[in-house]
Amino acid sequence: MEGFGVLDDGATFRLSVIDLTYDGCKIETEVALLPGVKLKICFPGRGMGTAASVRWYKKGLAGLKFNPEDPPENSRTPRKHERVNLDAKLSIKRASRPHYRTHLFDLTTAGCKVEFVDRPISGETVWVKFDGFTALESGVRWIEGFSVGLEFTRPIYPAVLDLLLARLSNVIDEPAPLDKPHS
């Protein structure tokens, strides 16, 4: 993909993206870039550009790390609900995609933290399904790597949360069945 870089001083240069990940990209450029340099990468007709910083540069190639516009960690909004840390599984359904099983890290009456392999976008609607319960409509509130914070559209009643936690802990605490020896 052909585009251009914009440095802090307004200078621009041509670049080609040759490898792309969620967190950054590898570019080819004739401009020698020093590690730590901040820039925006832009593509004609695609908006204002993406903030990035140079991680490495060697022989016309550079590795860039995207710089999300997240607030600093110490300025995050305090949690409204006490979280229960878990090690459990649940099902996720995204619009126009098949559901899949994934890892649940924590849970409150208002939301949960889950693992996404196929990274969603902030604000996207997804459905969370615990075994034996109706699916809960949820919105993506934050994304950090493969961990995603979901906020339920309608909070879970505390009594239902207690029942759900009891079921999840039973699944976690149950030993795997032993195979009986063949005689």
Protein backbone atom coordinates (compact mmCIF):
# COMPACT_ATOMS: atom_id res chain seq x y z
CA MET A 1 0.00 0.00 0.00
CA GLU A 2 1.50 3.32 -1.08
CA GLY A 3 1.27 6.36 1.20
CA PHE A 4 3.37 9.01 2.86
CA GLY A 5 4.76 9.87 6.27
CA VAL A 6 4.42 13.24 8.00
CA LEU A 7 7.04 14.20 10.59
CA ASP A 8 6.39 16.53 13.54
CA ASP A 9 7.99 19.45 11.64
CA GLY A 10 5.56 18.94 8.72
CA ALA A 11 8.10 17.32 6.36
CA THR A 12 6.60 14.54 4.24
CA PHE A 13 8.10 11.49 2.52
CA ARG A 14 6.88 8.56 0.43
CA LEU A 15 6.50 5.13 1.97
CA SER A 16 5.15 1.69 1.12
CA VAL A 17 3.59 -0.55 3.74
CA ILE A 18 4.93 -4.06 3.15
CA ASP A 19 3.69 -5.80 6.33
CA LEU A 20 0.84 -4.84 8.66
CA THR A 21 -0.22 -6.02 12.15
CA TYR A 22 -2.66 -4.70 14.75
CA ASP A 23 0.12 -2.91 16.61
CA GLY A 24 2.27 -1.57 13.78
CA CYS A 25 3.72 -2.07 10.34
CA LYS A 26 6.88 -2.53 8.33
CA ILE A 27 7.51 0.14 5.72
CA GLU A 28 9.91 0.75 2.89
CA THR A 29 11.17 4.32 2.47
CA GLU A 30 14.17 6.21 1.08
CA VAL A 31 14.28 8.42 4.20
CA ALA A 32 16.53 7.22 7.04
CA LEU A 33 14.43 7.23 10.22
CA LEU A 34 15.82 7.18 13.74
CA PRO A 35 14.23 4.97 16.41
CA GLY A 36 11.85 6.99 18.58
CA VAL A 37 10.88 9.47 15.84
CA LYS A 38 7.14 10.19 15.92
CA LEU A 39 5.18 10.54 12.68
CA LYS A 40 1.83 10.02 11.04
CA ILE A 41 1.36 7.59 8.21
CA CYS A 42 -1.24 8.68 5.69
CA PHE A 43 -2.89 7.21 2.62
CA PRO A 44 -4.65 9.40 0.04
CA GLY A 45 -8.41 9.46 0.57
CA ARG A 46 -8.24 7.63 3.95
CA GLY A 47 -8.57 10.43 6.53
CA MET A 48 -6.14 12.19 8.86
CA GLY A 49 -3.53 9.44 9.25
CA THR A 50 -2.33 7.14 11.97
CA ALA A 51 0.10 8.18 14.71
CA ALA A 52 3.16 5.96 14.93
CA SER A 53 6.73 5.88 16.21
CA VAL A 54 9.82 4.33 14.66
CA ARG A 55 10.99 1.17 16.43
CA TRP A 56 13.90 0.33 14.10
CA TYR A 57 15.39 1.28 10.72
CA LYS A 58 17.77 -0.69 8.46
CA LYS A 59 18.63 -0.32 4.75
CA GLY A 60 15.45 1.39 3.58
CA LEU A 61 13.11 -0.60 5.86
CA ALA A 62 11.56 0.58 9.12
CA GLY A 63 9.37 -0.92 11.80
CA LEU A 64 6.64 1.36 13.11
CA LYS A 65 4.53 0.96 16.24
CA PHE A 66 1.08 2.54 16.14
CA ASN A 67 0.43 4.98 18.97
CA PRO A 68 -3.21 4.66 20.06
CA GLU A 69 -4.93 7.74 21.39
CA ASP A 70 -5.59 6.02 24.75
CA PRO A 71 -5.50 8.11 27.91
CA PRO A 72 -2.59 7.45 30.27
CA GLU A 73 -3.27 4.51 32.60
CA ASN A 74 -3.45 6.70 35.72
CA SER A 75 -6.27 8.80 34.20
CA ARG A 76 -8.65 5.91 33.55
CA THR A 77 -12.11 6.07 35.06
CA PRO A 78 -12.32 4.12 38.33
CA ARG A 79 -14.34 0.92 38.19
CA LYS A 80 -17.99 1.16 39.23
CA HIS A 81 -18.32 -2.52 40.13
CA GLU A 82 -16.08 -5.01 41.92
CA ARG A 83 -14.61 -7.49 39.48
CA VAL A 84 -14.41 -11.23 40.09
CA ASN A 85 -11.31 -12.75 38.50
CA LEU A 86 -12.08 -15.96 36.64
CA ASP A 87 -10.54 -18.60 34.45
CA ALA A 88 -13.52 -19.75 32.40
CA LYS A 89 -14.92 -20.08 28.88
CA LEU A 90 -17.85 -18.40 27.18
CA SER A 91 -19.16 -17.93 23.65
CA ILE A 92 -18.87 -14.70 21.66
CA LYS A 93 -21.00 -13.77 18.65
CA ARG A 94 -20.17 -10.87 16.37
CA ALA A 95 -22.49 -9.56 13.64
CA SER A 96 -22.25 -11.59 10.41
CA ARG A 97 -19.70 -14.00 11.91
CA PRO A 98 -20.00 -17.43 13.50
CA HIS A 99 -19.86 -17.69 17.29
CA TYR A 100 -16.75 -19.08 18.96
CA ARG A 101 -15.54 -20.09 22.42
CA THR A 102 -13.05 -17.84 24.17
CA HIS A 103 -11.43 -17.12 27.50
CA LEU A 104 -13.17 -15.09 30.25
CA PHE A 105 -10.79 -13.24 32.60
CA ASP A 106 -13.17 -11.35 34.91
CA LEU A 107 -16.85 -10.54 35.37
CA THR A 108 -19.08 -7.94 37.05
CA THR A 109 -22.79 -7.19 36.88
CA ALA A 110 -21.99 -4.54 34.23
CA GLY A 111 -19.43 -6.29 32.00
CA CYS A 112 -16.47 -8.57 31.55
CA LYS A 113 -12.95 -8.91 30.21
CA VAL A 114 -12.50 -11.52 27.47
CA GLU A 115 -9.93 -12.63 24.94
CA PHE A 116 -10.49 -11.88 21.24
CA VAL A 117 -8.42 -13.51 18.52
CA ASP A 118 -10.12 -11.52 15.74
CA ARG A 119 -9.80 -8.02 17.18
CA PRO A 120 -13.07 -6.00 17.30
CA ILE A 121 -13.39 -2.23 17.02
CA SER A 122 -14.26 0.09 19.89
CA GLY A 123 -18.03 0.54 20.17
CA GLU A 124 -18.82 -2.65 18.24
CA THR A 125 -21.80 -4.68 19.47
CA VAL A 126 -21.17 -8.34 20.37
CA TRP A 127 -23.19 -11.00 22.17
CA VAL A 128 -21.80 -12.86 25.17
CA LYS A 129 -23.24 -16.31 25.95
CA PHE A 130 -22.63 -18.27 29.13
CA ASP A 131 -23.70 -21.92 29.04
CA GLY A 132 -27.30 -22.21 30.27
CA PHE A 133 -28.01 -18.47 30.05
CA THR A 134 -29.49 -16.16 27.42
CA ALA A 135 -26.98 -14.22 25.30
CA LEU A 136 -26.17 -10.72 26.59
CA GLU A 137 -25.83 -7.83 24.16
CA SER A 138 -22.58 -5.99 24.91
CA GLY A 139 -20.52 -3.11 23.61
CA VAL A 140 -16.74 -3.04 23.20
CA ARG A 141 -15.45 -0.42 25.70
CA TRP A 142 -11.67 -0.88 25.43
CA ILE A 143 -9.06 -3.01 23.66
CA GLU A 144 -5.55 -3.86 24.90
CA GLY A 145 -3.77 -6.39 22.72
CA PHE A 146 -6.05 -9.43 22.59
CA SER A 147 -7.93 -8.51 25.80
CA VAL A 148 -11.21 -6.67 25.37
CA GLY A 149 -13.46 -4.97 27.93
CA LEU A 150 -17.17 -5.48 27.26
CA GLU A 151 -20.03 -3.56 28.84
CA PHE A 152 -23.39 -5.32 28.98
CA THR A 153 -26.28 -3.30 27.49
CA ARG A 154 -28.41 -4.43 30.45
CA PRO A 155 -26.53 -5.28 33.66
CA ILE A 156 -26.87 -8.72 35.21
CA TYR A 157 -28.93 -8.81 38.40
CA PRO A 158 -26.69 -9.54 41.42
CA ALA A 159 -28.58 -12.77 42.24
CA VAL A 160 -28.13 -13.98 38.65
CA LEU A 161 -24.43 -13.07 38.81
CA ASP A 162 -24.08 -15.16 41.99
CA LEU A 163 -25.72 -18.13 40.23
CA LEU A 164 -23.52 -17.66 37.16
CA LEU A 165 -20.36 -17.45 39.28
CA ALA A 166 -21.36 -20.64 41.12
CA ARG A 167 -21.84 -22.44 37.80
CA LEU A 168 -18.55 -21.14 36.39
CA SER A 169 -16.63 -22.15 39.52
CA ASN A 170 -18.20 -25.63 39.38
CA VAL A 171 -16.93 -26.04 35.84
CA ILE A 172 -13.46 -24.83 36.81
CA ASP A 173 -13.24 -26.88 40.01
CA GLU A 174 -14.62 -30.14 38.57
CA PRO A 175 -11.84 -32.66 38.03
CA ALA A 176 -11.64 -34.25 34.62
CA PRO A 177 -13.32 -37.72 34.59
CA LEU A 178 -10.88 -40.58 34.90
CA ASP A 179 -10.95 -43.32 32.32
CA LYS A 180 -11.79 -46.69 33.82
CA PRO A 181 -9.20 -49.37 33.17
CA HIS A 182 -10.31 -51.99 30.69
CA SER A 183 -10.53 -55.47 32.20
